[in-house]
């Protein structure tokens, strides 16, 4: 089980929008700016996720989120491995059919690879939609770490390096 902590920004029904500080895994991201999908949602150094609110957390609460490790492994295999396998399979199949296709060896392999890549992207998209519908890739608020008194406004997460710099969390 993978866990992360964050602060609840808002609650709608059984879902909570939680602001999370980027983990150490994000430190190796070449984007490291608000131009990446994570940074564009909440600001530099943090991002917002929607999670099942099983702990009945309220805005301003510090919470723990969890996601089954299997969901992360499955998503990684789907996104990274599936397209590569289909590119290779498409190139090999088209290369084997090059005389039937009337293409050169390189042309057939290139065409097959492009078709494999397209099929891979479509399959990853379909797998992602299915996981979203099933909720298997949705994190869960598993417990409230600290609760804030009623009426306390949402407090954005601050950088550990400089506690005096407040980060923006509004996405709209």
C-alpha atoms as a PDB file:
ATOM      1  CA  UNK A   1       0.000   0.000   0.000  1.00  0.00           C
ATOM      2  CA  UNK A   2       1.412   3.392  -0.969  1.00  0.00           C
ATOM      3  CA  UNK A   3       0.621   6.284   1.356  1.00  0.00           C
ATOM      4  CA  UNK A   4       0.950  10.045   1.125  1.00  0.00           C
ATOM      5  CA  UNK A   5      -0.228  12.892   3.308  1.00  0.00           C
ATOM      6  CA  UNK A   6      -1.957  16.099   2.323  1.00  0.00           C
ATOM      7  CA  UNK A   7      -4.504  18.732   3.296  1.00  0.00           C
ATOM      8  CA  UNK A   8      -8.173  18.565   2.299  1.00  0.00           C
ATOM      9  CA  UNK A   9      -9.095  21.531   0.134  1.00  0.00           C
ATOM     10  CA  UNK A  10     -12.783  20.753  -0.363  1.00  0.00           C
ATOM     11  CA  UNK A  11     -15.315  17.963   0.081  1.00  0.00           C
ATOM     12  CA  UNK A  12     -18.140  17.124  -2.316  1.00  0.00           C
ATOM     13  CA  UNK A  13     -20.255  14.127  -1.416  1.00  0.00           C
ATOM     14  CA  UNK A  14     -18.041  11.115  -0.772  1.00  0.00           C
ATOM     15  CA  UNK A  15     -15.035  12.690  -2.528  1.00  0.00           C
ATOM     16  CA  UNK A  16     -12.347  15.000  -1.170  1.00  0.00           C
ATOM     17  CA  UNK A  17      -9.929  17.178  -3.127  1.00  0.00           C
ATOM     18  CA  UNK A  18      -6.587  16.893  -1.357  1.00  0.00           C
ATOM     19  CA  UNK A  19      -3.510  19.065  -1.888  1.00  0.00           C
ATOM     20  CA  UNK A  20      -0.362  16.951  -1.769  1.00  0.00           C
ATOM     21  CA  UNK A  21       3.237  18.099  -1.709  1.00  0.00           C
ATOM     22  CA  UNK A  22       5.225  16.528  -4.503  1.00  0.00           C
ATOM     23  CA  UNK A  23       7.051  13.460  -3.284  1.00  0.00           C
ATOM     24  CA  UNK A  24      10.705  12.638  -3.807  1.00  0.00           C
ATOM     25  CA  UNK A  25       9.694  10.738  -6.944  1.00  0.00           C
ATOM     26  CA  UNK A  26       8.766  14.089  -8.492  1.00  0.00           C
ATOM     27  CA  UNK A  27      12.244  15.462  -7.838  1.00  0.00           C
ATOM     28  CA  UNK A  28      13.586  13.475 -10.790  1.00  0.00           C
ATOM     29  CA  UNK A  29      10.845  14.791 -13.105  1.00  0.00           C
ATOM     30  CA  UNK A  30      12.473  16.758 -15.920  1.00  0.00           C
ATOM     31  CA  UNK A  31       9.559  19.208 -16.011  1.00  0.00           C
ATOM     32  CA  UNK A  32       9.721  20.414 -12.357  1.00  0.00           C
ATOM     33  CA  UNK A  33       7.551  23.372 -13.241  1.00  0.00           C
ATOM     34  CA  UNK A  34       3.944  24.417 -13.468  1.00  0.00           C
ATOM     35  CA  UNK A  35       3.957  23.315 -17.108  1.00  0.00           C
ATOM     36  CA  UNK A  36       3.651  19.665 -16.121  1.00  0.00           C
ATOM     37  CA  UNK A  37       0.232  18.176 -15.397  1.00  0.00           C
ATOM     38  CA  UNK A  38       0.901  17.966 -11.646  1.00  0.00           C
ATOM     39  CA  UNK A  39       2.129  21.541 -11.253  1.00  0.00           C
ATOM     40  CA  UNK A  40      -0.601  22.992 -13.423  1.00  0.00           C
ATOM     41  CA  UNK A  41      -3.281  21.781 -11.010  1.00  0.00           C
ATOM     42  CA  UNK A  42      -2.083  23.362  -7.782  1.00  0.00           C
ATOM     43  CA  UNK A  43       1.130  25.258  -8.256  1.00  0.00           C
ATOM     44  CA  UNK A  44       4.824  24.559  -7.976  1.00  0.00           C
ATOM     45  CA  UNK A  45       5.755  21.880  -5.463  1.00  0.00           C
ATOM     46  CA  UNK A  46       2.266  20.437  -5.002  1.00  0.00           C
ATOM     47  CA  UNK A  47      -0.746  19.016  -6.804  1.00  0.00           C
ATOM     48  CA  UNK A  48      -4.409  18.205  -6.171  1.00  0.00           C
ATOM     49  CA  UNK A  49      -5.958  14.735  -6.251  1.00  0.00           C
ATOM     50  CA  UNK A  50      -9.552  13.640  -5.855  1.00  0.00           C
ATOM     51  CA  UNK A  51      -9.901  10.768  -3.390  1.00  0.00           C
ATOM     52  CA  UNK A  52     -12.630   8.678  -1.796  1.00  0.00           C
ATOM     53  CA  UNK A  53     -13.295  10.282   1.574  1.00  0.00           C
ATOM     54  CA  UNK A  54     -13.713   7.166   3.740  1.00  0.00           C
ATOM     55  CA  UNK A  55     -12.338   8.959   6.830  1.00  0.00           C
ATOM     56  CA  UNK A  56     -15.011  11.706   6.638  1.00  0.00           C
ATOM     57  CA  UNK A  57     -12.329  14.411   6.490  1.00  0.00           C
ATOM     58  CA  UNK A  58     -13.302  18.083   6.317  1.00  0.00           C
ATOM     59  CA  UNK A  59     -11.643  21.027   4.551  1.00  0.00           C
ATOM     60  CA  UNK A  60      -8.429  22.005   6.323  1.00  0.00           C
ATOM     61  CA  UNK A  61      -7.842  18.531   7.792  1.00  0.00           C
ATOM     62  CA  UNK A  62      -4.411  16.951   7.372  1.00  0.00           C
ATOM     63  CA  UNK A  63      -5.062  13.458   6.022  1.00  0.00           C
ATOM     64  CA  UNK A  64      -3.358  10.278   4.917  1.00  0.00           C
ATOM     65  CA  UNK A  65      -4.137   8.939   1.454  1.00  0.00           C
ATOM     66  CA  UNK A  66      -3.493   5.395   0.307  1.00  0.00           C
ATOM     67  CA  UNK A  67      -3.384   3.611  -3.003  1.00  0.00           C
ATOM     68  CA  UNK A  68      -2.822  -0.124  -3.453  1.00  0.00           C
ATOM     69  CA  UNK A  69       0.703  -0.786  -4.750  1.00  0.00           C
ATOM     70  CA  UNK A  70      -0.766  -3.139  -7.342  1.00  0.00           C
ATOM     71  CA  UNK A  71      -2.667  -0.249  -8.926  1.00  0.00           C
ATOM     72  CA  UNK A  72       0.572   1.697  -9.378  1.00  0.00           C
ATOM     73  CA  UNK A  73       2.403  -1.322 -10.816  1.00  0.00           C
ATOM     74  CA  UNK A  74      -0.476  -2.069 -13.195  1.00  0.00           C
ATOM     75  CA  UNK A  75      -0.646   1.557 -14.339  1.00  0.00           C
ATOM     76  CA  UNK A  76       3.113   1.675 -14.899  1.00  0.00           C
ATOM     77  CA  UNK A  77       3.102  -1.528 -16.919  1.00  0.00           C
ATOM     78  CA  UNK A  78       0.158  -0.315 -18.972  1.00  0.00           C
ATOM     79  CA  UNK A  79       1.606   3.091 -19.737  1.00  0.00           C
ATOM     80  CA  UNK A  80       5.240   2.162 -20.321  1.00  0.00           C
ATOM     81  CA  UNK A  81       5.399  -1.463 -21.402  1.00  0.00           C
ATOM     82  CA  UNK A  82       2.260  -2.008 -23.493  1.00  0.00           C
ATOM     83  CA  UNK A  83       3.030   0.609 -26.169  1.00  0.00           C
ATOM     84  CA  UNK A  84       6.634  -0.612 -26.505  1.00  0.00           C
ATOM     85  CA  UNK A  85       5.509  -4.221 -26.952  1.00  0.00           C
ATOM     86  CA  UNK A  86       2.943  -3.171 -29.562  1.00  0.00           C
ATOM     87  CA  UNK A  87       5.503  -1.028 -31.425  1.00  0.00           C
ATOM     88  CA  UNK A  88       7.856  -4.012 -31.671  1.00  0.00           C
ATOM     89  CA  UNK A  89       5.043  -6.412 -32.591  1.00  0.00           C
ATOM     90  CA  UNK A  90       3.706  -4.019 -35.225  1.00  0.00           C
ATOM     91  CA  UNK A  91       7.156  -3.501 -36.746  1.00  0.00           C
ATOM     92  CA  UNK A  92       7.842  -7.248 -36.815  1.00  0.00           C
ATOM     93  CA  UNK A  93       4.453  -8.116 -38.327  1.00  0.00           C
ATOM     94  CA  UNK A  94       4.688  -5.438 -41.013  1.00  0.00           C
ATOM     95  CA  UNK A  95       8.273  -6.435 -41.785  1.00  0.00           C
ATOM     96  CA  UNK A  96       7.137 -10.041 -42.280  1.00  0.00           C
ATOM     97  CA  UNK A  97       4.380  -8.805 -44.629  1.00  0.00           C
ATOM     98  CA  UNK A  98       6.594  -6.316 -46.492  1.00  0.00           C
ATOM     99  CA  UNK A  99       6.329  -8.084 -49.847  1.00  0.00           C
ATOM    100  CA  UNK A 100       2.528  -8.309 -49.543  1.00  0.00           C
ATOM    101  CA  UNK A 101       2.398  -4.620 -48.596  1.00  0.00           C
ATOM    102  CA  UNK A 102       4.734  -3.687 -51.404  1.00  0.00           C
ATOM    103  CA  UNK A 103       7.018  -1.745 -49.091  1.00  0.00           C
ATOM    104  CA  UNK A 104      10.717  -1.765 -48.409  1.00  0.00           C
ATOM    105  CA  UNK A 105      11.960  -3.431 -45.239  1.00  0.00           C
ATOM    106  CA  UNK A 106      12.420  -0.120 -43.442  1.00  0.00           C
ATOM    107  CA  UNK A 107       9.166   1.342 -44.718  1.00  0.00           C
ATOM    108  CA  UNK A 108       7.171  -1.688 -43.601  1.00  0.00           C
ATOM    109  CA  UNK A 109       8.824  -1.708 -40.168  1.00  0.00           C
ATOM    110  CA  UNK A 110       8.184   2.024 -39.756  1.00  0.00           C
ATOM    111  CA  UNK A 111       4.547   1.699 -40.780  1.00  0.00           C
ATOM    112  CA  UNK A 112       4.049  -1.298 -38.470  1.00  0.00           C
ATOM    113  CA  UNK A 113       5.701   0.530 -35.579  1.00  0.00           C
ATOM    114  CA  UNK A 114       3.448   3.558 -36.104  1.00  0.00           C
ATOM    115  CA  UNK A 115       0.354   1.338 -36.172  1.00  0.00           C
ATOM    116  CA  UNK A 116       1.586  -0.469 -33.030  1.00  0.00           C
ATOM    117  CA  UNK A 117       2.162   2.851 -31.264  1.00  0.00           C
ATOM    118  CA  UNK A 118      -1.331   4.036 -32.202  1.00  0.00           C
ATOM    119  CA  UNK A 119      -2.849   0.782 -30.950  1.00  0.00           C
ATOM    120  CA  UNK A 120      -0.815   1.083 -27.737  1.00  0.00           C
ATOM    121  CA  UNK A 121      -2.000   4.628 -27.048  1.00  0.00           C
ATOM    122  CA  UNK A 122      -5.621   3.628 -27.643  1.00  0.00           C
ATOM    123  CA  UNK A 123      -5.311   0.585 -25.365  1.00  0.00           C
ATOM    124  CA  UNK A 124      -3.682   2.633 -22.587  1.00  0.00           C
ATOM    125  CA  UNK A 125      -6.508   5.161 -22.870  1.00  0.00           C
ATOM    126  CA  UNK A 126      -9.144   2.384 -22.677  1.00  0.00           C
ATOM    127  CA  UNK A 127      -7.423   0.750 -19.702  1.00  0.00           C
ATOM    128  CA  UNK A 128      -7.279   4.138 -17.949  1.00  0.00           C
ATOM    129  CA  UNK A 129     -10.984   4.760 -18.542  1.00  0.00           C
ATOM    130  CA  UNK A 130     -11.846   1.312 -17.196  1.00  0.00           C
ATOM    131  CA  UNK A 131      -9.697   1.827 -14.084  1.00  0.00           C
ATOM    132  CA  UNK A 132     -11.315   5.229 -13.525  1.00  0.00           C
ATOM    133  CA  UNK A 133     -14.823   3.776 -13.815  1.00  0.00           C
ATOM    134  CA  UNK A 134     -14.000   0.916 -11.436  1.00  0.00           C
ATOM    135  CA  UNK A 135     -12.257   3.289  -9.034  1.00  0.00           C
ATOM    136  CA  UNK A 136      -9.233   0.991  -8.816  1.00  0.00           C
ATOM    137  CA  UNK A 137      -6.851   3.891  -9.509  1.00  0.00           C
ATOM    138  CA  UNK A 138      -8.536   6.313  -7.115  1.00  0.00           C
ATOM    139  CA  UNK A 139      -6.720   7.052  -3.849  1.00  0.00           C
ATOM    140  CA  UNK A 140      -8.591   6.781  -0.548  1.00  0.00           C
ATOM    141  CA  UNK A 141      -8.485   9.112   2.455  1.00  0.00           C
ATOM    142  CA  UNK A 142      -7.745   6.466   5.073  1.00  0.00           C
ATOM    143  CA  UNK A 143      -7.397   8.613   8.194  1.00  0.00           C
ATOM    144  CA  UNK A 144      -7.417  12.148   9.497  1.00  0.00           C
ATOM    145  CA  UNK A 145      -3.993  13.065  10.885  1.00  0.00           C
ATOM    146  CA  UNK A 146      -5.093  16.348  12.435  1.00  0.00           C
ATOM    147  CA  UNK A 147      -8.432  18.092  12.362  1.00  0.00           C
ATOM    148  CA  UNK A 148      -8.904  21.850  12.146  1.00  0.00           C
ATOM    149  CA  UNK A 149     -11.628  23.665  14.093  1.00  0.00           C
ATOM    150  CA  UNK A 150     -14.815  24.498  12.244  1.00  0.00           C
ATOM    151  CA  UNK A 151     -14.510  27.755  10.341  1.00  0.00           C
ATOM    152  CA  UNK A 152     -10.728  27.550   9.984  1.00  0.00           C
ATOM    153  CA  UNK A 153      -9.907  28.425   6.383  1.00  0.00           C
ATOM    154  CA  UNK A 154      -8.019  26.047   4.136  1.00  0.00           C
ATOM    155  CA  UNK A 155      -4.269  26.487   4.645  1.00  0.00           C
ATOM    156  CA  UNK A 156      -2.056  25.656   1.673  1.00  0.00           C
ATOM    157  CA  UNK A 157       0.941  23.403   2.168  1.00  0.00           C
ATOM    158  CA  UNK A 158       4.234  25.209   2.653  1.00  0.00           C
ATOM    159  CA  UNK A 159       7.672  24.225   1.374  1.00  0.00           C
ATOM    160  CA  UNK A 160       9.870  22.558   3.940  1.00  0.00           C
ATOM    161  CA  UNK A 161      12.853  24.507   2.615  1.00  0.00           C
ATOM    162  CA  UNK A 162      11.280  27.925   3.209  1.00  0.00           C
ATOM    163  CA  UNK A 163       8.330  27.969   5.570  1.00  0.00           C
ATOM    164  CA  UNK A 164       7.645  31.617   4.834  1.00  0.00           C
ATOM    165  CA  UNK A 165       6.707  30.952   1.182  1.00  0.00           C
ATOM    166  CA  UNK A 166       3.024  30.025   0.826  1.00  0.00           C
ATOM    167  CA  UNK A 167       2.043  28.076  -2.277  1.00  0.00           C
ATOM    168  CA  UNK A 168      -1.050  28.746  -4.324  1.00  0.00           C
ATOM    169  CA  UNK A 169      -3.535  25.890  -4.536  1.00  0.00           C
ATOM    170  CA  UNK A 170      -6.423  27.296  -6.558  1.00  0.00           C
ATOM    171  CA  UNK A 171      -6.900  25.441  -9.822  1.00  0.00           C
ATOM    172  CA  UNK A 172      -9.523  27.705 -11.343  1.00  0.00           C
END
